[in-house]
Protein backbone atom coordinates (compact mmCIF):
# COMPACT_ATOMS: atom_id res chain seq x y z
CA UNK A 1 -8.34 20.60 1.77
CA UNK A 2 -10.72 18.81 -0.55
CA UNK A 3 -13.74 18.36 0.74
CA UNK A 4 -16.05 14.88 0.74
CA UNK A 5 -19.98 15.23 -0.86
CA UNK A 6 -21.75 12.69 1.16
CA UNK A 7 -22.78 8.86 2.15
CA UNK A 8 -25.83 7.24 1.31
CA UNK A 9 -26.71 3.81 1.92
CA UNK A 10 -29.66 1.77 1.83
CA UNK A 11 -31.44 -1.75 2.63
CA UNK A 12 -34.20 -3.89 1.92
CA UNK A 13 -34.56 -6.83 4.22
CA UNK A 14 -37.16 -8.44 6.89
CA UNK A 15 -34.54 -10.58 8.20
CA UNK A 16 -32.26 -7.99 9.91
CA UNK A 17 -32.41 -4.71 12.22
CA UNK A 18 -32.62 -2.26 9.97
CA UNK A 19 -31.91 0.71 12.16
CA UNK A 20 -28.84 -0.59 13.69
CA UNK A 21 -27.35 -2.25 10.79
CA UNK A 22 -27.64 1.32 8.61
CA UNK A 23 -26.42 3.07 11.83
CA UNK A 24 -23.29 0.77 11.02
CA UNK A 25 -23.11 0.95 7.48
CA UNK A 26 -23.07 5.10 8.04
CA UNK A 27 -20.60 4.63 10.65
CA UNK A 28 -18.23 3.12 7.83
CA UNK A 29 -18.96 5.83 5.56
CA UNK A 30 -18.18 8.83 7.95
CA UNK A 31 -15.25 9.91 6.07
CA UNK A 32 -17.77 11.32 3.04
CA UNK A 33 -19.73 13.63 5.61
CA UNK A 34 -19.49 14.23 8.81
CA UNK A 35 -21.69 17.72 9.19
CA UNK A 36 -24.61 15.66 10.07
CA UNK A 37 -26.66 12.26 10.35
CA UNK A 38 -30.20 10.62 9.19
CA UNK A 39 -32.30 7.41 8.85
CA UNK A 40 -35.28 6.54 7.71
CA UNK A 41 -37.35 3.86 8.05
CA UNK A 42 -40.77 1.79 6.43
CA UNK A 43 -42.72 -0.30 7.95
CA UNK A 44 -45.08 -0.70 4.60
CA UNK A 45 -47.53 1.90 5.98
CA UNK A 46 -45.46 4.62 7.95
CA UNK A 47 -41.91 6.51 7.22
CA UNK A 48 -40.34 7.45 9.91
CA UNK A 49 -37.17 9.81 9.98
CA UNK A 50 -34.40 10.48 12.79
CA UNK A 51 -31.73 13.32 11.63
CA UNK A 52 -29.99 16.30 12.96
CA UNK A 53 -26.45 17.72 12.77
CA UNK A 54 -23.08 15.89 13.96
CA UNK A 55 -21.59 12.53 13.81
CA UNK A 56 -23.04 9.13 13.26
CA UNK A 57 -21.95 8.90 16.85
CA UNK A 58 -23.73 11.66 17.80
CA UNK A 59 -26.59 12.07 16.44
CA UNK A 60 -28.07 8.02 16.73
CA UNK A 61 -28.66 6.33 20.34
CA UNK A 62 -29.99 3.12 21.82
CA UNK A 63 -33.42 4.40 22.00
CA UNK A 64 -33.95 6.21 19.11
CA UNK A 65 -32.54 3.55 17.07
CA UNK A 66 -34.94 1.41 18.53
CA UNK A 67 -37.91 3.76 17.36
CA UNK A 68 -36.82 3.17 13.77
CA UNK A 69 -38.48 0.01 13.09
CA UNK A 70 -38.98 -1.79 9.02
CA UNK A 71 -38.31 -3.75 6.48
CA UNK A 72 -36.81 -0.78 4.10
CA UNK A 73 -34.52 1.91 5.56
CA UNK A 74 -32.41 4.99 3.77
CA UNK A 75 -29.53 6.80 5.77
CA UNK A 76 -27.18 9.49 4.93
CA UNK A 77 -24.24 11.27 5.89
CA UNK A 78 -24.18 14.69 4.45
CA UNK A 79 -21.11 17.34 3.89
CA UNK A 80 -22.84 20.23 2.19
CA UNK A 81 -22.31 20.84 -1.43
CA UNK A 82 -25.46 22.86 -1.77
CA UNK A 83 -26.98 24.86 0.96
CA UNK A 84 -25.12 25.33 4.13
CA UNK A 85 -24.76 23.96 7.51
CA UNK A 86 -28.34 24.06 9.22
CA UNK A 87 -30.65 21.89 10.64
CA UNK A 88 -33.26 22.20 8.50
CA UNK A 89 -31.09 20.46 5.78
CA UNK A 90 -29.47 16.85 7.00
CA UNK A 91 -31.17 13.94 5.20
CA UNK A 92 -32.86 11.90 4.23
CA UNK A 93 -34.93 14.49 3.52
CA UNK A 94 -39.69 13.54 3.39
CA UNK A 95 -41.36 14.71 0.27
CA UNK A 96 -45.12 14.27 -0.11
CA UNK A 97 -47.59 15.10 -2.99
CA UNK A 98 -50.80 14.09 -3.01
CA UNK A 99 -51.18 10.21 -1.81
CA UNK A 100 -47.31 9.79 -2.72
CA UNK A 101 -44.70 9.89 -0.14
CA UNK A 102 -40.76 9.37 -0.71
CA UNK A 103 -37.48 9.39 1.92
CA UNK A 104 -34.92 10.31 -0.74
CA UNK A 105 -30.67 10.56 0.10
CA UNK A 106 -28.03 12.39 -2.01
CA UNK A 107 -24.41 12.63 -2.89
CA UNK A 108 -23.76 14.84 -5.29
CA UNK A 109 -24.85 18.29 -6.95
CA UNK A 110 -27.13 19.07 -9.10
CA UNK A 111 -26.19 22.10 -11.47
CA UNK A 112 -30.02 23.15 -12.45
CA UNK A 113 -31.43 23.11 -9.17
CA UNK A 114 -32.40 26.80 -9.11
CA UNK A 115 -34.55 26.61 -12.01
CA UNK A 116 -36.11 23.50 -11.78
CA UNK A 117 -37.19 24.78 -8.39
CA UNK A 118 -38.48 28.13 -9.27
CA UNK A 119 -40.65 26.06 -11.91
CA UNK A 120 -41.53 23.60 -8.87
CA UNK A 121 -42.51 26.29 -6.57
CA UNK A 122 -45.00 27.95 -9.58
CA UNK A 123 -46.68 24.16 -9.57
CA UNK A 124 -47.05 24.16 -5.80
CA UNK A 125 -44.59 21.99 -4.35
CA UNK A 126 -42.98 23.73 -1.39
CA UNK A 127 -39.79 23.32 0.26
CA UNK A 128 -38.32 23.31 3.91
CA UNK A 129 -34.61 23.15 2.88
CA UNK A 130 -32.02 25.08 0.86
CA UNK A 131 -30.44 21.39 -0.60
CA UNK A 132 -30.60 20.49 -4.81
CA UNK A 133 -31.79 16.94 -3.10
CA UNK A 134 -35.78 18.33 -2.19
CA UNK A 135 -35.25 19.59 -5.89
CA UNK A 136 -34.48 15.47 -6.87
CA UNK A 137 -37.41 14.91 -4.59
CA UNK A 138 -39.81 16.94 -5.52
CA UNK A 139 -39.21 16.93 -9.69
CA UNK A 140 -39.98 12.46 -9.06
CA UNK A 141 -43.22 13.37 -7.49
CA UNK A 142 -44.38 16.22 -10.20
CA UNK A 143 -42.87 13.47 -13.11
CA UNK A 144 -45.40 11.95 -14.96
CA UNK A 145 -45.67 8.25 -14.90
CA UNK A 146 -47.57 5.00 -13.79
CA UNK A 147 -44.83 3.64 -11.14
CA UNK A 148 -41.68 5.31 -10.06
CA UNK A 149 -39.53 3.93 -12.66
CA UNK A 150 -41.15 6.03 -15.14
CA UNK A 151 -41.43 9.08 -12.88
CA UNK A 152 -37.32 8.97 -12.61
CA UNK A 153 -36.57 8.24 -15.91
CA UNK A 154 -38.26 11.42 -16.49
CA UNK A 155 -36.31 13.24 -14.16
CA UNK A 156 -33.73 11.95 -14.94
CA UNK A 157 -33.84 13.23 -18.75
CA UNK A 158 -34.34 17.16 -16.55
CA UNK A 159 -31.50 16.74 -14.11
CA UNK A 160 -28.10 17.92 -15.05
CA UNK A 161 -25.07 17.23 -13.00
CA UNK A 162 -23.90 14.48 -10.62
CA UNK A 163 -26.17 12.26 -8.05
CA UNK A 164 -25.81 8.67 -6.65
CA UNK A 165 -29.19 8.57 -4.87
CA UNK A 166 -30.88 6.17 -2.98
CA UNK A 167 -34.52 7.18 -1.97
CA UNK A 168 -37.22 4.80 -0.66
CA UNK A 169 -41.51 4.82 -0.94
CA UNK A 170 -43.71 2.57 1.79
CA UNK A 171 -42.83 -0.33 0.00
CA UNK A 172 -39.61 0.37 -2.65
CA UNK A 173 -36.10 0.44 -2.34
CA UNK A 174 -34.35 2.64 -5.29
CA UNK A 175 -30.90 3.54 -6.39
CA UNK A 176 -30.40 5.71 -9.24
CA UNK A 177 -26.85 6.86 -10.50
CA UNK A 178 -26.51 10.00 -13.01
CA UNK A 179 -25.57 8.70 -16.56
CA UNK A 180 -21.99 10.01 -16.35
CA UNK A 181 -21.67 7.90 -13.07
CA UNK A 182 -19.56 10.85 -11.50
CA UNK A 183 -20.18 9.30 -8.01
CA UNK A 184 -19.62 5.59 -7.05
CA UNK A 185 -22.46 3.86 -6.09
CA UNK A 186 -22.44 -0.36 -5.36
CA UNK A 187 -25.24 -3.34 -4.61
CA UNK A 188 -25.17 -6.01 -2.47
CA UNK A 189 -27.19 -8.57 -0.85
CA UNK A 190 -27.89 -9.49 2.93
CA UNK A 191 -30.20 -11.96 4.93
CA UNK A 192 -31.81 -12.33 1.78
CA UNK A 193 -32.39 -9.04 1.08
CA UNK A 194 -30.50 -5.96 -0.43
CA UNK A 195 -28.53 -3.14 -0.27
CA UNK A 196 -27.37 -0.04 -1.87
CA UNK A 197 -24.41 1.94 -1.09
CA UNK A 198 -21.94 4.86 -1.90
CA UNK A 199 -18.70 2.60 -1.05
CA UNK A 200 -18.48 -1.05 -1.02
CA UNK A 201 -16.67 -0.68 2.37
CA UNK A 202 -20.15 -0.08 4.04
CA UNK A 203 -21.06 -3.34 2.64
CA UNK A 204 -17.54 -5.20 4.46
CA UNK A 205 -18.47 -3.48 8.02
CA UNK A 206 -22.22 -5.17 7.99
CA UNK A 207 -21.43 -8.72 6.33
CA UNK A 208 -23.39 -7.79 3.46
CA UNK A 209 -22.03 -9.26 -0.45
CA UNK A 210 -20.93 -7.09 -3.05
CA UNK A 211 -22.38 -7.92 -6.27
CA UNK A 212 -21.34 -5.10 -8.37
CA UNK A 213 -21.61 -1.64 -9.11
CA UNK A 214 -24.44 0.15 -10.10
CA UNK A 215 -23.76 1.80 -13.43
CA UNK A 216 -23.60 5.01 -15.00
CA UNK A 217 -27.57 5.95 -15.85
CA UNK A 218 -29.14 2.87 -14.08
CA UNK A 219 -31.83 2.82 -11.48
CA UNK A 220 -32.25 -0.01 -9.33
CA UNK A 221 -35.93 -0.85 -8.05
CA UNK A 222 -35.93 -3.54 -4.63
CA UNK A 223 -39.66 -4.52 -3.68
CA UNK A 224 -41.76 -7.61 -2.95
CA UNK A 225 -40.75 -8.67 -6.07
CA UNK A 226 -37.29 -9.01 -6.01
CA UNK A 227 -35.40 -6.52 -7.97
CA UNK A 228 -35.45 -4.37 -11.27
CA UNK A 229 -33.66 -2.41 -13.39
CA UNK A 230 -33.56 0.45 -16.32
CA UNK A 231 -30.91 1.72 -17.79
CA UNK A 232 -30.77 5.14 -19.74
CA UNK A 233 -28.34 5.07 -21.93
CA UNK A 234 -25.48 8.21 -21.95
CA UNK A 235 -22.86 9.29 -24.30
CA UNK A 236 -19.81 10.78 -21.82
CA UNK A 237 -18.87 8.93 -18.49
CA UNK A 238 -17.05 11.58 -16.04
CA UNK A 239 -16.38 9.53 -12.71
CA UNK A 240 -14.69 12.08 -10.16
CA UNK A 241 -10.88 10.97 -9.97
CA UNK A 242 -10.17 11.67 -7.31
CA UNK A 243 -12.73 8.89 -5.37
CA UNK A 244 -8.97 6.80 -6.23
CA UNK A 245 -6.65 9.82 -5.35
CA UNK A 246 -8.63 10.36 -1.92
CA UNK A 247 -12.37 10.53 -1.35
CA UNK A 248 -13.28 6.97 -0.81
CA UNK A 249 -11.36 4.31 1.88
CA UNK A 250 -8.92 2.63 0.64
CA UNK A 251 -10.67 -0.69 1.71
CA UNK A 252 -13.44 0.02 -1.23
CA UNK A 253 -13.96 -1.19 -4.69
CA UNK A 254 -14.86 0.49 -7.49
CA UNK A 255 -14.86 -0.80 -10.97
CA UNK A 256 -13.29 -3.50 -9.93
CA UNK A 257 -10.36 -1.41 -8.74
CA UNK A 258 -9.06 -1.86 -5.08
CA UNK A 259 -8.52 2.22 -4.34
CA UNK A 260 -5.27 0.38 -1.78
CA UNK A 261 -3.66 -0.66 -4.33
CA UNK A 262 -4.74 2.03 -6.84
CA UNK A 263 -2.97 4.30 -4.32
CA UNK A 264 0.04 2.26 -3.93
CA UNK A 265 0.84 2.72 -7.70
CA UNK A 266 0.34 6.37 -7.78
CA UNK A 267 3.42 6.22 -5.30
CA UNK A 268 5.39 3.76 -7.54
CA UNK A 269 4.84 5.94 -10.55
CA UNK A 270 6.00 8.82 -8.55
CA UNK A 271 9.36 7.31 -7.39
CA UNK A 272 9.42 6.36 -11.75
CA UNK A 273 8.99 10.24 -12.35
CA UNK A 274 10.28 11.97 -9.55
CA UNK A 275 13.24 9.68 -8.01
CA UNK A 276 16.00 11.70 -5.38
CA UNK A 277 18.34 10.80 -2.86
CA UNK A 278 16.76 10.34 1.21
CA UNK A 279 16.66 8.43 4.16
CA UNK A 280 13.41 7.59 4.37
CA UNK A 281 9.59 7.81 3.27
CA UNK A 282 6.39 8.92 4.66
CA UNK A 283 2.48 9.46 3.71
CA UNK A 284 0.98 12.07 5.14
CA UNK A 285 -2.00 10.24 7.15
CA UNK A 286 -4.39 9.09 6.29
CA UNK A 287 -5.21 9.26 2.90
CA UNK A 288 -1.75 9.18 1.83
CA UNK A 289 -0.14 6.22 3.56
CA UNK A 290 -0.53 4.11 0.50
CA UNK A 291 1.03 5.75 -1.77
CA UNK A 292 4.11 6.46 0.37
CA UNK A 293 4.52 2.95 0.68
CA UNK A 294 4.17 2.56 -2.66
CA UNK A 295 7.08 5.16 -3.50
CA UNK A 296 9.01 3.36 -0.80
CA UNK A 297 8.48 0.05 -2.25
CA UNK A 298 9.35 1.17 -6.18
CA UNK A 299 12.34 3.24 -4.30
CA UNK A 300 13.94 1.15 -1.86
CA UNK A 301 13.99 3.67 1.08
CA UNK A 302 12.69 2.93 3.85
CA UNK A 303 8.91 3.89 4.87
CA UNK A 304 8.51 5.32 8.16
CA UNK A 305 5.46 7.24 9.90
CA UNK A 306 7.32 10.48 10.41
CA UNK A 307 3.73 12.25 11.44
CA UNK A 308 1.13 10.98 13.71
CA UNK A 309 -2.54 12.34 13.31
CA UNK A 310 -4.96 13.02 15.51
CA UNK A 311 -7.85 11.56 13.64
CA UNK A 312 -10.41 13.55 15.83
CA UNK A 313 -9.60 16.62 15.44
CA UNK A 314 -12.18 18.73 13.09
CA UNK A 315 -15.18 16.58 14.27
CA UNK A 316 -16.38 18.22 17.41
CA UNK A 317 -18.72 21.41 17.27
CA UNK A 318 -16.40 22.71 20.43
CA UNK A 319 -14.40 25.33 19.18
CA UNK A 320 -10.53 25.60 20.53
CA UNK A 321 -9.39 28.91 22.13
CA UNK A 322 -7.20 31.56 20.56
CA UNK A 323 -4.41 29.43 21.95
CA UNK A 324 -4.73 26.10 20.81
CA UNK A 325 -6.37 27.92 17.44
CA UNK A 326 -2.90 29.91 17.15
CA UNK A 327 -1.76 25.93 16.90
CA UNK A 328 -3.55 25.15 13.90
CA UNK A 329 -2.18 22.33 12.06
CA UNK A 330 -0.22 20.82 15.46
CA UNK A 331 -3.42 20.16 16.29
CA UNK A 332 -3.88 17.38 13.79
CA UNK A 333 -0.57 16.15 13.15
CA UNK A 334 2.37 15.35 15.83
CA UNK A 335 6.13 14.45 13.90
CA UNK A 336 7.93 11.87 15.61
CA UNK A 337 11.26 14.00 16.00
CA UNK A 338 13.07 10.92 16.74
CA UNK A 339 12.61 9.15 14.23
CA UNK A 340 12.97 12.21 11.30
CA UNK A 341 15.92 14.11 13.00
CA UNK A 342 18.92 14.78 10.88
CA UNK A 343 16.82 13.15 8.10
CA UNK A 344 16.31 13.46 4.33
CA UNK A 345 12.70 12.91 3.98
CA UNK A 346 10.16 12.19 0.94
CA UNK A 347 6.71 13.16 2.01
CA UNK A 348 4.19 11.75 0.03
CA UNK A 349 -0.01 14.02 0.09
CA UNK A 350 -2.93 13.32 -2.23
CA UNK A 351 -2.98 16.75 -3.51
CA UNK A 352 -2.75 20.11 -2.99
CA UNK A 353 -5.42 22.47 -3.10
CA UNK A 354 -5.40 25.79 -1.56
CA UNK A 355 -1.86 25.62 -0.11
CA UNK A 356 -2.76 26.44 3.33
CA UNK A 357 -1.87 23.59 5.57
CA UNK A 358 1.08 22.36 3.46
CA UNK A 359 3.47 24.82 4.46
CA UNK A 360 2.40 24.38 8.46
CA UNK A 361 2.83 20.58 8.28
CA UNK A 362 6.72 21.14 6.35
CA UNK A 363 7.02 23.65 8.80
CA UNK A 364 6.48 20.81 11.60
CA UNK A 365 9.14 18.51 10.42
CA UNK A 366 11.54 21.18 9.58
CA UNK A 367 10.67 22.17 13.55
CA UNK A 368 11.23 18.48 14.20
CA UNK A 369 14.57 18.06 12.47
CA UNK A 370 14.77 16.88 8.81
CA UNK A 371 17.36 17.78 7.42
CA UNK A 372 15.70 17.97 3.85
CA UNK A 373 11.70 17.65 2.95
CA UNK A 374 10.88 16.26 -0.65
CA UNK A 375 7.01 16.53 -1.13
CA UNK A 376 5.87 14.16 -3.71
CA UNK A 377 2.25 14.94 -5.01
CA UNK A 378 -0.37 11.86 -5.92
CA UNK A 379 -2.52 14.17 -7.92
CA UNK A 380 -1.84 16.93 -10.85
CA UNK A 381 -1.73 20.46 -10.02
CA UNK A 382 -5.71 21.18 -9.44
CA UNK A 383 -5.70 24.51 -11.83
CA UNK A 384 -9.73 24.68 -12.06
CA UNK A 385 -12.62 24.27 -9.40
CA UNK A 386 -15.56 21.37 -9.60
CA UNK A 387 -18.73 21.52 -10.09
CA UNK A 388 -20.01 18.37 -9.60
CA UNK A 389 -19.97 17.94 -5.61
CA UNK A 390 -16.82 18.58 -4.34
CA UNK A 391 -16.45 22.09 -2.22
CA UNK A 392 -12.65 22.36 -3.74
CA UNK A 393 -12.07 26.18 -3.73
CA UNK A 394 -13.23 29.22 -6.38
CA UNK A 395 -10.21 29.25 -8.94
CA UNK A 396 -8.86 32.19 -7.52
CA UNK A 397 -8.10 30.05 -4.55
CA UNK A 398 -6.67 27.34 -6.25
CA UNK A 399 -2.63 27.57 -5.71
CA UNK A 400 -1.56 25.95 -9.04
CA UNK A 401 -4.17 28.25 -10.96
CA UNK A 402 -1.87 31.56 -9.72
CA UNK A 403 2.02 30.15 -9.96
CA UNK A 404 3.95 27.49 -11.80
CA UNK A 405 5.51 24.37 -9.69
CA UNK A 406 8.68 26.41 -9.10
CA UNK A 407 6.72 29.27 -7.55
CA UNK A 408 4.52 26.74 -5.27
CA UNK A 409 7.88 24.45 -4.29
CA UNK A 410 9.31 28.06 -2.89
CA UNK A 411 5.70 29.06 -1.36
CA UNK A 412 5.65 25.91 0.38
CA UNK A 413 9.97 25.70 1.62
CA UNK A 414 10.52 22.28 0.55
CA UNK A 415 13.67 21.14 -1.26
CA UNK A 416 11.81 19.61 -4.21
CA UNK A 417 8.46 19.27 -5.46
CA UNK A 418 7.04 16.87 -7.97
CA UNK A 419 3.58 16.03 -9.14
CA UNK A 420 2.37 12.70 -10.91
CA UNK A 421 1.81 13.56 -14.08
CA UNK A 422 -1.85 12.83 -15.77
CA UNK A 423 -0.42 10.14 -17.49
CA UNK A 424 0.83 8.29 -14.43
CA UNK A 425 -2.30 8.70 -12.51
CA UNK A 426 -4.20 7.32 -15.24
CA UNK A 427 -2.12 4.45 -15.48
CA UNK A 428 -1.64 4.17 -12.00
CA UNK A 429 -5.59 3.84 -11.61
CA UNK A 430 -5.54 1.39 -14.48
CA UNK A 431 -8.84 2.13 -16.44
CA UNK A 432 -9.51 3.85 -19.54
CA UNK A 433 -9.07 7.64 -19.43
CA UNK A 434 -12.47 8.15 -20.78
CA UNK A 435 -14.46 7.10 -17.86
CA UNK A 436 -13.14 10.10 -15.77
CA UNK A 437 -13.73 13.55 -14.91
CA UNK A 438 -10.56 15.28 -15.20
CA UNK A 439 -11.71 18.99 -15.08
CA UNK A 440 -10.03 20.02 -12.49
CA UNK A 441 -6.60 19.19 -13.79
CA UNK A 442 -7.59 19.96 -17.42
CA UNK A 443 -10.26 22.45 -17.53
CA UNK A 444 -12.16 20.28 -19.83
CA UNK A 445 -15.44 19.84 -18.08
CA UNK A 446 -18.45 17.02 -18.55
CA UNK A 447 -20.71 19.84 -18.20
CA UNK A 448 -20.58 23.53 -19.70
CA UNK A 449 -18.95 25.52 -16.47
CA UNK A 450 -21.76 28.08 -16.72
CA UNK A 451 -24.25 26.07 -15.30
CA UNK A 452 -22.49 25.70 -11.67
CA UNK A 453 -24.29 26.96 -9.27
CA UNK A 454 -23.47 29.27 -6.23
CA UNK A 455 -23.21 26.74 -3.13
CA UNK A 456 -26.00 28.86 -1.37
CA UNK A 457 -28.03 29.87 -4.41
CA UNK A 458 -31.07 27.77 -3.17
CA UNK A 459 -30.32 29.22 0.71
CA UNK A 460 -30.59 32.60 -0.47
CA UNK A 461 -34.12 32.21 -2.01
CA UNK A 462 -34.87 30.11 0.96
CA UNK A 463 -34.72 33.23 3.29
CA UNK A 464 -36.29 35.52 0.91
CA UNK A 465 -39.24 33.42 0.60
CA UNK A 466 -39.05 33.17 4.62
CA UNK A 467 -39.13 36.86 4.70
CA UNK A 468 -41.92 37.06 2.40
CA UNK A 469 -43.99 34.88 4.45
CA UNK A 470 -43.70 37.07 7.33
CA UNK A 471 -44.63 40.11 5.69
């Protein structure tokens, strides 16, 4: 299973209920992170925050939203890529230096976070979390410049990795996207104000108007005088292709492409590359539903919902007992036996990472009476780990790094297996190949992989510092 990185949102408006607006925007971005959630707001004098572990609906109440009043605010849903699940790590984080204060929310992964943090600590900056987001915030505070734009441009020259960021001071809302444009970030308008979000679906949910994507290397600064932008020119672009395959919601638009249509096109391309005689086509819900419908449309084979998904499994802090734990994937998926019994099925899924869940899904379908199972995958084989904000797996854990396709077919227990080719994927997305990071398929990283940092590197350092302070 691939894990999303984070969802970020920001708003500048005196005409709306800031905290409530951010709450519903984060609700729309819940798919990007389910570990923790938080909101920070400013009334021009003071920045207030509320953040804790849990889903958006678990973290916020009418009472704490009422206390978050202001005209600038940012929000964050977290899936940890640097630092683990612990109470100190939810964002937005607050950072202070002399008379400057900022709140920051981040989606991505800073590869040189550890040396930057060491340098900042030597310069007198303190850290309360084990996240690279706090490194970004303190680096901006430590950077020279007469204004936020100059400080941020200086910091960007030193940050290496992926970062789509919203941050706020007492009187500014700022959006930043790294020069490679790894993670999405977009700009919108609402009630004489401005909004910034990871995905356009968040704008739709709150009645904001989508204006455009924030470009790679762009800094957007919003204050009482309006909006101004600065652009850091860059060479190589490296937008994560998995935003199109899996991460982003199908109703979002990124780089001018509606993701639902792109995923349908992946299914259509799979039909061309791997046709098969079958009775029904199904997509593994929810991420492969659009691709499944595309396969069905192009092949002429009827589409069905072969399994139903319990969308709330994995979104609770209550652990199942041993008997329920042994049921495993049955807690998440329930096959419709009357629909699939005796049928030859084409099963479309978004990707195979470790190969641990897929055999169980195939087993459920077999147990429900499927006569044949033909698996079609929207992504090429994943053979290399990600260092830019996707908590994927280490190389030795990736099934396609250890087995060839016929071996994977036998391991999964399917009648046939077809991975979408890289050329087919690019044709389906219908955007230039050179704007994407394809390293998980090709091993061609946009940044040297030796810079990859262990997810818990900063956490280990924080524990060392806490032990040292207690002596």
